[in-house]
Amino acid sequence: MAGELRYGAAKEGAARLSQQMGAVLRALTILSLERPIEAEYAAIRCDVERAGTPTGANDLWIAAHARAQDLVVVTANKPEFDRVPGLVVEDWSIP
């Protein structure tokens, strides 16, 4: 979700951070949403709602994309993603 990263930088109102985020995104391969991801989204949303731990819509899409393609989610918001069964999550912000 490149949009989430750009939003975070824009929300801070820091031009330098926005430029840095643009450079990071240009260096990454941005994956498109493909059909299995929507099924993962539905399953994950049902799981977290049944558990009483609703998760934000954008985070659900990030989790669905990662789980559908066996990817690791790297985030400073690890507790939010730890709610998702079967998702591998790492926090690289911890020294």
PDB file of N, CA and C in Angstrom:
ATOM      1  N   MET A   1       0.829  -1.180   0.000  1.00  0.00           N
ATOM      2  CA  MET A   1       0.000   0.000   0.000  1.00  0.00           C
ATOM      3  C   MET A   1       0.883   1.257   0.000  1.00  0.00           C
ATOM      4  N   ALA A   2       1.383   1.546  -1.162  1.00  0.00           N
ATOM      5  CA  ALA A   2       2.233   2.717  -1.325  1.00  0.00           C
ATOM      6  C   ALA A   2       1.494   3.979  -0.895  1.00  0.00           C
ATOM      7  N   GLY A   3       0.190   4.013  -1.122  1.00  0.00           N
ATOM      8  CA  GLY A   3      -0.609   5.173  -0.721  1.00  0.00           C
ATOM      9  C   GLY A   3      -0.558   5.422   0.774  1.00  0.00           C
ATOM     10  N   GLU A   4      -0.536   4.363   1.570  1.00  0.00           N
ATOM     11  CA  GLU A   4      -0.441   4.508   3.027  1.00  0.00           C
ATOM     12  C   GLU A   4       0.885   5.158   3.414  1.00  0.00           C
ATOM     13  N   LEU A   5       1.964   4.738   2.762  1.00  0.00           N
ATOM     14  CA  LEU A   5       3.275   5.313   3.058  1.00  0.00           C
ATOM     15  C   LEU A   5       3.324   6.788   2.660  1.00  0.00           C
ATOM     16  N   ARG A   6       2.803   7.091   1.478  1.00  0.00           N
ATOM     17  CA  ARG A   6       2.789   8.491   1.031  1.00  0.00           C
ATOM     18  C   ARG A   6       1.899   9.346   1.936  1.00  0.00           C
ATOM     19  N   TYR A   7       0.766   8.792   2.356  1.00  0.00           N
ATOM     20  CA  TYR A   7      -0.134   9.512   3.260  1.00  0.00           C
ATOM     21  C   TYR A   7       0.574   9.835   4.577  1.00  0.00           C
ATOM     22  N   GLY A   8       1.259   8.855   5.145  1.00  0.00           N
ATOM     23  CA  GLY A   8       1.966   9.080   6.405  1.00  0.00           C
ATOM     24  C   GLY A   8       2.981  10.205   6.297  1.00  0.00           C
ATOM     25  N   ALA A   9       3.698  10.239   5.189  1.00  0.00           N
ATOM     26  CA  ALA A   9       4.689  11.295   4.980  1.00  0.00           C
ATOM     27  C   ALA A   9       4.004  12.640   4.772  1.00  0.00           C
ATOM     28  N   ALA A  10       2.936  12.664   3.988  1.00  0.00           N
ATOM     29  CA  ALA A  10       2.222  13.916   3.715  1.00  0.00           C
ATOM     30  C   ALA A  10       1.551  14.455   4.973  1.00  0.00           C
ATOM     31  N   LYS A  11       1.032  13.560   5.800  1.00  0.00           N
ATOM     32  CA  LYS A  11       0.346  13.966   7.026  1.00  0.00           C
ATOM     33  C   LYS A  11       1.286  14.723   7.958  1.00  0.00           C
ATOM     34  N   GLU A  12       2.540  14.325   7.952  1.00  0.00           N
ATOM     35  CA  GLU A  12       3.528  14.996   8.791  1.00  0.00           C
ATOM     36  C   GLU A  12       3.851  16.393   8.259  1.00  0.00           C
ATOM     37  N   GLY A  13       3.546  16.643   6.993  1.00  0.00           N
ATOM     38  CA  GLY A  13       3.786  17.957   6.408  1.00  0.00           C
ATOM     39  C   GLY A  13       5.257  18.265   6.207  1.00  0.00           C
ATOM     40  N   ALA A  14       6.083  17.237   6.179  1.00  0.00           N
ATOM     41  CA  ALA A  14       7.522  17.433   6.038  1.00  0.00           C
ATOM     42  C   ALA A  14       7.936  17.101   4.607  1.00  0.00           C
ATOM     43  N   ALA A  15       8.378  18.103   3.883  1.00  0.00           N
ATOM     44  CA  ALA A  15       8.767  17.915   2.484  1.00  0.00           C
ATOM     45  C   ALA A  15       9.907  16.910   2.363  1.00  0.00           C
ATOM     46  N   ARG A  16      10.857  16.982   3.285  1.00  0.00           N
ATOM     47  CA  ARG A  16      12.008  16.071   3.226  1.00  0.00           C
ATOM     48  C   ARG A  16      11.556  14.619   3.401  1.00  0.00           C
ATOM     49  N   LEU A  17      10.649  14.383   4.346  1.00  0.00           N
ATOM     50  CA  LEU A  17      10.133  13.033   4.571  1.00  0.00           C
ATOM     51  C   LEU A  17       9.388  12.534   3.335  1.00  0.00           C
ATOM     52  N   SER A  18       8.606  13.401   2.708  1.00  0.00           N
ATOM     53  CA  SER A  18       7.888  13.020   1.490  1.00  0.00           C
ATOM     54  C   SER A  18       8.862  12.674   0.366  1.00  0.00           C
ATOM     55  N   GLN A  19       9.940  13.445   0.247  1.00  0.00           N
ATOM     56  CA  GLN A  19      10.949  13.159  -0.772  1.00  0.00           C
ATOM     57  C   GLN A  19      11.638  11.828  -0.495  1.00  0.00           C
ATOM     58  N   GLN A  20      11.961  11.586   0.778  1.00  0.00           N
ATOM     59  CA  GLN A  20      12.602  10.328   1.146  1.00  0.00           C
ATOM     60  C   GLN A  20      11.675   9.143   0.858  1.00  0.00           C
ATOM     61  N   MET A  21      10.401   9.301   1.176  1.00  0.00           N
ATOM     62  CA  MET A  21       9.444   8.226   0.928  1.00  0.00           C
ATOM     63  C   MET A  21       9.318   7.966  -0.567  1.00  0.00           C
ATOM     64  N   GLY A  22       9.325   9.023  -1.362  1.00  0.00           N
ATOM     65  CA  GLY A  22       9.292   8.858  -2.812  1.00  0.00           C
ATOM     66  C   GLY A  22      10.493   8.070  -3.310  1.00  0.00           C
ATOM     67  N   ALA A  23      11.668   8.364  -2.758  1.00  0.00           N
ATOM     68  CA  ALA A  23      12.883   7.641  -3.148  1.00  0.00           C
ATOM     69  C   ALA A  23      12.795   6.171  -2.749  1.00  0.00           C
ATOM     70  N   VAL A  24      12.284   5.911  -1.562  1.00  0.00           N
ATOM     71  CA  VAL A  24      12.119   4.524  -1.107  1.00  0.00           C
ATOM     72  C   VAL A  24      11.165   3.777  -2.031  1.00  0.00           C
ATOM     73  N   LEU A  25      10.039   4.393  -2.353  1.00  0.00           N
ATOM     74  CA  LEU A  25       9.046   3.732  -3.201  1.00  0.00           C
ATOM     75  C   LEU A  25       9.567   3.483  -4.613  1.00  0.00           C
ATOM     76  N   ARG A  26      10.386   4.389  -5.119  1.00  0.00           N
ATOM     77  CA  ARG A  26      10.962   4.180  -6.454  1.00  0.00           C
ATOM     78  C   ARG A  26      11.923   2.989  -6.456  1.00  0.00           C
ATOM     79  N   ALA A  27      12.531   2.704  -5.304  1.00  0.00           N
ATOM     80  CA  ALA A  27      13.492   1.602  -5.202  1.00  0.00           C
ATOM     81  C   ALA A  27      12.816   0.247  -4.986  1.00  0.00           C
ATOM     82  N   LEU A  28      11.525   0.257  -4.664  1.00  0.00           N
ATOM     83  CA  LEU A  28      10.800  -0.978  -4.364  1.00  0.00           C
ATOM     84  C   LEU A  28       9.980  -1.448  -5.556  1.00  0.00           C
ATOM     85  N   THR A  29       9.703  -2.723  -5.569  1.00  0.00           N
ATOM     86  CA  THR A  29       8.753  -3.272  -6.532  1.00  0.00           C
ATOM     87  C   THR A  29       7.376  -3.170  -5.905  1.00  0.00           C
ATOM     88  N   ILE A  30       6.471  -2.451  -6.535  1.00  0.00           N
ATOM     89  CA  ILE A  30       5.109  -2.296  -6.026  1.00  0.00           C
ATOM     90  C   ILE A  30       4.255  -3.405  -6.637  1.00  0.00           C
ATOM     91  N   LEU A  31       3.683  -4.232  -5.779  1.00  0.00           N
ATOM     92  CA  LEU A  31       2.874  -5.364  -6.236  1.00  0.00           C
ATOM     93  C   LEU A  31       1.435  -4.930  -6.458  1.00  0.00           C
ATOM     94  N   SER A  32       0.824  -5.470  -7.488  1.00  0.00           N
ATOM     95  CA  SER A  32      -0.576  -5.144  -7.756  1.00  0.00           C
ATOM     96  C   SER A  32      -1.487  -6.097  -6.983  1.00  0.00           C
ATOM     97  N   LEU A  33      -2.722  -5.664  -6.796  1.00  0.00           N
ATOM     98  CA  LEU A  33      -3.706  -6.531  -6.153  1.00  0.00           C
ATOM     99  C   LEU A  33      -4.169  -7.572  -7.161  1.00  0.00           C
ATOM    100  N   GLU A  34      -4.152  -8.817  -6.755  1.00  0.00           N
ATOM    101  CA  GLU A  34      -4.590  -9.901  -7.624  1.00  0.00           C
ATOM    102  C   GLU A  34      -5.721 -10.665  -6.950  1.00  0.00           C
ATOM    103  N   ARG A  35      -6.419 -11.468  -7.691  1.00  0.00           N
ATOM    104  CA  ARG A  35      -7.639 -12.129  -7.235  1.00  0.00           C
ATOM    105  C   ARG A  35      -7.524 -12.836  -5.874  1.00  0.00           C
ATOM    106  N   PRO A  36      -6.518 -13.641  -5.559  1.00  0.00           N
ATOM    107  CA  PRO A  36      -6.539 -14.326  -4.258  1.00  0.00           C
ATOM    108  C   PRO A  36      -6.514 -13.365  -3.067  1.00  0.00           C
ATOM    109  N   ILE A  37      -6.067 -12.155  -3.300  1.00  0.00           N
ATOM    110  CA  ILE A  37      -5.942 -11.200  -2.204  1.00  0.00           C
ATOM    111  C   ILE A  37      -7.305 -10.806  -1.658  1.00  0.00           C
ATOM    112  N   GLU A  38      -8.297 -10.687  -2.514  1.00  0.00           N
ATOM    113  CA  GLU A  38      -9.628 -10.311  -2.025  1.00  0.00           C
ATOM    114  C   GLU A  38     -10.210 -11.403  -1.138  1.00  0.00           C
ATOM    115  N   ALA A  39      -9.931 -12.664  -1.435  1.00  0.00           N
ATOM    116  CA  ALA A  39     -10.400 -13.763  -0.582  1.00  0.00           C
ATOM    117  C   ALA A  39      -9.687 -13.733   0.764  1.00  0.00           C
ATOM    118  N   GLU A  40      -8.394 -13.436   0.757  1.00  0.00           N
ATOM    119  CA  GLU A  40      -7.645 -13.309   2.015  1.00  0.00           C
ATOM    120  C   GLU A  40      -8.204 -12.159   2.846  1.00  0.00           C
ATOM    121  N   TYR A  41      -8.506 -11.046   2.182  1.00  0.00           N
ATOM    122  CA  TYR A  41      -9.082  -9.892   2.877  1.00  0.00           C
ATOM    123  C   TYR A  41     -10.355 -10.303   3.611  1.00  0.00           C
ATOM    124  N   ALA A  42     -11.247 -10.991   2.911  1.00  0.00           N
ATOM    125  CA  ALA A  42     -12.518 -11.402   3.514  1.00  0.00           C
ATOM    126  C   ALA A  42     -12.285 -12.333   4.699  1.00  0.00           C
ATOM    127  N   ALA A  43     -11.384 -13.290   4.536  1.00  0.00           N
ATOM    128  CA  ALA A  43     -11.103 -14.242   5.613  1.00  0.00           C
ATOM    129  C   ALA A  43     -10.493 -13.550   6.827  1.00  0.00           C
ATOM    130  N   ILE A  44      -9.538 -12.666   6.582  1.00  0.00           N
ATOM    131  CA  ILE A  44      -8.881 -11.954   7.683  1.00  0.00           C
ATOM    132  C   ILE A  44      -9.873 -11.054   8.403  1.00  0.00           C
ATOM    133  N   ARG A  45     -10.676 -10.337   7.643  1.00  0.00           N
ATOM    134  CA  ARG A  45     -11.652  -9.442   8.275  1.00  0.00           C
ATOM    135  C   ARG A  45     -12.618 -10.231   9.156  1.00  0.00           C
ATOM    136  N   CYS A  46     -13.085 -11.367   8.674  1.00  0.00           N
ATOM    137  CA  CYS A  46     -13.964 -12.222   9.492  1.00  0.00           C
ATOM    138  C   CYS A  46     -13.238 -12.687  10.752  1.00  0.00           C
ATOM    139  N   ASP A  47     -11.991 -13.121  10.612  1.00  0.00           N
ATOM    140  CA  ASP A  47     -11.214 -13.607  11.759  1.00  0.00           C
ATOM    141  C   ASP A  47     -11.061 -12.544  12.839  1.00  0.00           C
ATOM    142  N   VAL A  48     -10.632 -11.333  12.444  1.00  0.00           N
ATOM    143  CA  VAL A  48     -10.372 -10.305  13.460  1.00  0.00           C
ATOM    144  C   VAL A  48     -11.666  -9.784  14.073  1.00  0.00           C
ATOM    145  N   GLU A  49     -12.737  -9.732  13.293  1.00  0.00           N
ATOM    146  CA  GLU A  49     -14.016  -9.286  13.853  1.00  0.00           C
ATOM    147  C   GLU A  49     -14.588 -10.322  14.813  1.00  0.00           C
ATOM    148  N   ARG A  50     -14.467 -11.606  14.470  1.00  0.00           N
ATOM    149  CA  ARG A  50     -14.924 -12.664  15.384  1.00  0.00           C
ATOM    150  C   ARG A  50     -14.143 -12.640  16.691  1.00  0.00           C
ATOM    151  N   ALA A  51     -12.861 -12.305  16.592  1.00  0.00           N
ATOM    152  CA  ALA A  51     -12.005 -12.246  17.777  1.00  0.00           C
ATOM    153  C   ALA A  51     -12.229 -10.965  18.576  1.00  0.00           C
ATOM    154  N   GLY A  52     -13.047 -10.062  18.053  1.00  0.00           N
ATOM    155  CA  GLY A  52     -13.301  -8.797  18.744  1.00  0.00           C
ATOM    156  C   GLY A  52     -12.146  -7.827  18.661  1.00  0.00           C
ATOM    157  N   THR A  53     -11.316  -7.978  17.640  1.00  0.00           N
ATOM    158  CA  THR A  53     -10.160  -7.099  17.458  1.00  0.00           C
ATOM    159  C   THR A  53     -10.171  -6.492  16.060  1.00  0.00           C
ATOM    160  N   PRO A  54     -11.191  -5.675  15.754  1.00  0.00           N
ATOM    161  CA  PRO A  54     -11.264  -5.096  14.414  1.00  0.00           C
ATOM    162  C   PRO A  54      -9.985  -4.334  14.064  1.00  0.00           C
ATOM    163  N   THR A  55      -9.673  -4.362  12.793  1.00  0.00           N
ATOM    164  CA  THR A  55      -8.448  -3.763  12.281  1.00  0.00           C
ATOM    165  C   THR A  55      -8.821  -2.781  11.180  1.00  0.00           C
ATOM    166  N   GLY A  56      -8.039  -1.719  11.033  1.00  0.00           N
ATOM    167  CA  GLY A  56      -8.307  -0.710  10.014  1.00  0.00           C
ATOM    168  C   GLY A  56      -8.324  -1.298   8.610  1.00  0.00           C
ATOM    169  N   ALA A  57      -9.145  -0.717   7.744  1.00  0.00           N
ATOM    170  CA  ALA A  57      -9.325  -1.236   6.383  1.00  0.00           C
ATOM    171  C   ALA A  57      -8.012  -1.317   5.610  1.00  0.00           C
ATOM    172  N   ASN A  58      -7.199  -0.288   5.675  1.00  0.00           N
ATOM    173  CA  ASN A  58      -5.941  -0.319   4.925  1.00  0.00           C
ATOM    174  C   ASN A  58      -5.005  -1.391   5.466  1.00  0.00           C
ATOM    175  N   ASP A  59      -4.975  -1.544   6.787  1.00  0.00           N
ATOM    176  CA  ASP A  59      -4.137  -2.587   7.373  1.00  0.00           C
ATOM    177  C   ASP A  59      -4.633  -3.975   6.977  1.00  0.00           C
ATOM    178  N   LEU A  60      -5.948  -4.128   6.830  1.00  0.00           N
ATOM    179  CA  LEU A  60      -6.491  -5.409   6.373  1.00  0.00           C
ATOM    180  C   LEU A  60      -6.008  -5.729   4.961  1.00  0.00           C
ATOM    181  N   TRP A  61      -6.003  -4.735   4.087  1.00  0.00           N
ATOM    182  CA  TRP A  61      -5.529  -4.966   2.717  1.00  0.00           C
ATOM    183  C   TRP A  61      -4.042  -5.295   2.696  1.00  0.00           C
ATOM    184  N   ILE A  62      -3.265  -4.611   3.520  1.00  0.00           N
ATOM    185  CA  ILE A  62      -1.830  -4.905   3.602  1.00  0.00           C
ATOM    186  C   ILE A  62      -1.629  -6.338   4.078  1.00  0.00           C
ATOM    187  N   ALA A  63      -2.343  -6.720   5.129  1.00  0.00           N
ATOM    188  CA  ALA A  63      -2.233  -8.078   5.670  1.00  0.00           C
ATOM    189  C   ALA A  63      -2.670  -9.116   4.643  1.00  0.00           C
ATOM    190  N   ALA A  64      -3.757  -8.840   3.939  1.00  0.00           N
ATOM    191  CA  ALA A  64      -4.263  -9.781   2.937  1.00  0.00           C
ATOM    192  C   ALA A  64      -3.256  -9.985   1.813  1.00  0.00           C
ATOM    193  N   HIS A  65      -2.668  -8.896   1.370  1.00  0.00           N
ATOM    194  CA  HIS A  65      -1.677  -8.978   0.297  1.00  0.00           C
ATOM    195  C   HIS A  65      -0.487  -9.816   0.747  1.00  0.00           C
ATOM    196  N   ALA A  66      -0.004  -9.533   1.949  1.00  0.00           N
ATOM    197  CA  ALA A  66       1.161 -10.253   2.462  1.00  0.00           C
ATOM    198  C   ALA A  66       0.856 -11.733   2.665  1.00  0.00           C
ATOM    199  N   ARG A  67      -0.272 -12.031   3.279  1.00  0.00           N
ATOM    200  CA  ARG A  67      -0.598 -13.429   3.562  1.00  0.00           C
ATOM    201  C   ARG A  67      -0.855 -14.213   2.272  1.00  0.00           C
ATOM    202  N   ALA A  68      -1.499 -13.602   1.297  1.00  0.00           N
ATOM    203  CA  ALA A  68      -1.791 -14.286   0.033  1.00  0.00           C
ATOM    204  C   ALA A  68      -0.523 -14.630  -0.738  1.00  0.00           C
ATOM    205  N   GLN A  69       0.515 -13.820  -0.551  1.00  0.00           N
ATOM    206  CA  GLN A  69       1.746 -14.034  -1.315  1.00  0.00           C
ATOM    207  C   GLN A  69       2.906 -14.495  -0.441  1.00  0.00           C
ATOM    208  N   ASP A  70       2.593 -14.938   0.789  1.00  0.00           N
ATOM    209  CA  ASP A  70       3.618 -15.426   1.725  1.00  0.00           C
ATOM    210  C   ASP A  70       4.743 -14.414   1.927  1.00  0.00           C
ATOM    211  N   LEU A  71       4.359 -13.167   2.178  1.00  0.00           N
ATOM    212  CA  LEU A  71       5.318 -12.094   2.409  1.00  0.00           C
ATOM    213  C   LEU A  71       5.334 -11.717   3.883  1.00  0.00           C
ATOM    214  N   VAL A  72       6.366 -11.008   4.295  1.00  0.00           N
ATOM    215  CA  VAL A  72       6.496 -10.511   5.662  1.00  0.00           C
ATOM    216  C   VAL A  72       6.040  -9.058   5.688  1.00  0.00           C
ATOM    217  N   VAL A  73       5.238  -8.690   6.685  1.00  0.00           N
ATOM    218  CA  VAL A  73       4.846  -7.292   6.875  1.00  0.00           C
ATOM    219  C   VAL A  73       5.881  -6.650   7.792  1.00  0.00           C
ATOM    220  N   VAL A  74       6.500  -5.571   7.333  1.00  0.00           N
ATOM    221  CA  VAL A  74       7.449  -4.810   8.138  1.00  0.00           C
ATOM    222  C   VAL A  74       6.747  -3.525   8.537  1.00  0.00           C
ATOM    223  N   THR A  75       6.593  -3.316   9.848  1.00  0.00           N
ATOM    224  CA  THR A  75       5.816  -2.180  10.342  1.00  0.00           C
ATOM    225  C   THR A  75       6.272  -1.779  11.735  1.00  0.00           C
ATOM    226  N   ALA A  76       6.040  -0.525  12.079  1.00  0.00           N
ATOM    227  CA  ALA A  76       6.246  -0.074  13.456  1.00  0.00           C
ATOM    228  C   ALA A  76       4.964  -0.272  14.259  1.00  0.00           C
ATOM    229  N   ASN A  77       3.909  -0.739  13.604  1.00  0.00           N
ATOM    230  CA  ASN A  77       2.608  -0.959  14.237  1.00  0.00           C
ATOM    231  C   ASN A  77       2.355  -2.467  14.369  1.00  0.00           C
ATOM    232  N   LYS A  78       3.312  -3.173  14.942  1.00  0.00           N
ATOM    233  CA  LYS A  78       3.255  -4.629  15.026  1.00  0.00           C
ATOM    234  C   LYS A  78       2.013  -5.149  15.748  1.00  0.00           C
ATOM    235  N   PRO A  79       1.583  -4.548  16.859  1.00  0.00           N
ATOM    236  CA  PRO A  79       0.399  -5.088  17.551  1.00  0.00           C
ATOM    237  C   PRO A  79      -0.843  -5.166  16.663  1.00  0.00           C
ATOM    238  N   GLU A  80      -1.018  -4.202  15.778  1.00  0.00           N
ATOM    239  CA  GLU A  80      -2.182  -4.210  14.879  1.00  0.00           C
ATOM    240  C   GLU A  80      -2.154  -5.430  13.958  1.00  0.00           C
ATOM    241  N   PHE A  81      -0.984  -5.760  13.444  1.00  0.00           N
ATOM    242  CA  PHE A  81      -0.862  -6.866  12.497  1.00  0.00           C
ATOM    243  C   PHE A  81      -0.728  -8.217  13.184  1.00  0.00           C
ATOM    244  N   ASP A  82      -0.289  -8.218  14.437  1.00  0.00           N
ATOM    245  CA  ASP A  82      -0.197  -9.477  15.177  1.00  0.00           C
ATOM    246  C   ASP A  82      -1.569 -10.108  15.404  1.00  0.00           C
ATOM    247  N   ARG A  83      -2.628  -9.348  15.229  1.00  0.00           N
ATOM    248  CA  ARG A  83      -3.995  -9.871  15.376  1.00  0.00           C
ATOM    249  C   ARG A  83      -4.384 -10.811  14.245  1.00  0.00           C
ATOM    250  N   VAL A  84      -3.631 -10.780  13.161  1.00  0.00           N
ATOM    251  CA  VAL A  84      -3.991 -11.539  11.958  1.00  0.00           C
ATOM    252  C   VAL A  84      -3.344 -12.926  12.011  1.00  0.00           C
ATOM    253  N   PRO A  85      -4.154 -13.973  12.088  1.00  0.00           N
ATOM    254  CA  PRO A  85      -3.607 -15.329  12.139  1.00  0.00           C
ATOM    255  C   PRO A  85      -2.793 -15.665  10.887  1.00  0.00           C
ATOM    256  N   GLY A  86      -1.651 -16.311  11.096  1.00  0.00           N
ATOM    257  CA  GLY A  86      -0.846 -16.779   9.976  1.00  0.00           C
ATOM    258  C   GLY A  86      -0.032 -15.724   9.264  1.00  0.00           C
ATOM    259  N   LEU A  87       0.025 -14.519   9.814  1.00  0.00           N
ATOM    260  CA  LEU A  87       0.774 -13.431   9.182  1.00  0.00           C
ATOM    261  C   LEU A  87       2.120 -13.268   9.881  1.00  0.00           C
ATOM    262  N   VAL A  88       3.188 -13.178   9.101  1.00  0.00           N
ATOM    263  CA  VAL A  88       4.518 -12.950   9.657  1.00  0.00           C
ATOM    264  C   VAL A  88       4.752 -11.444   9.689  1.00  0.00           C
ATOM    265  N   VAL A  89       5.081 -10.927  10.885  1.00  0.00           N
ATOM    266  CA  VAL A  89       5.224  -9.481  11.082  1.00  0.00           C
ATOM    267  C   VAL A  89       6.564  -9.195  11.749  1.00  0.00           C
ATOM    268  N   GLU A  90       7.266  -8.173  11.259  1.00  0.00           N
ATOM    269  CA  GLU A  90       8.526  -7.739  11.857  1.00  0.00           C
ATOM    270  C   GLU A  90       8.490  -6.236  12.063  1.00  0.00           C
ATOM    271  N   ASP A  91       9.108  -5.803  13.163  1.00  0.00           N
ATOM    272  CA  ASP A  91       9.238  -4.374  13.467  1.00  0.00           C
ATOM    273  C   ASP A  91      10.714  -4.024  13.411  1.00  0.00           C
ATOM    274  N   TRP A  92      11.120  -3.353  12.362  1.00  0.00           N
ATOM    275  CA  TRP A  92      12.524  -2.995  12.190  1.00  0.00           C
ATOM    276  C   TRP A  92      12.873  -1.686  12.893  1.00  0.00           C
ATOM    277  N   SER A  93      11.892  -1.040  13.516  1.00  0.00           N
ATOM    278  CA  SER A  93      12.162   0.243  14.170  1.00  0.00           C
ATOM    279  C   SER A  93      12.772   0.064  15.554  1.00  0.00           C
ATOM    280  N   ILE A  94      12.734  -1.140  16.084  1.00  0.00           N
ATOM    281  CA  ILE A  94      13.287  -1.397  17.416  1.00  0.00           C
ATOM    282  C   ILE A  94      14.790  -1.588  17.284  1.00  0.00           C
ATOM    283  N   PRO A  95      15.573  -0.778  18.018  1.00  0.00           N
ATOM    284  CA  PRO A  95      17.038  -0.889  17.894  1.00  0.00           C
ATOM    285  C   PRO A  95      17.581  -2.198  18.436  1.00  0.00           C
TER     286      PRO A  95
END
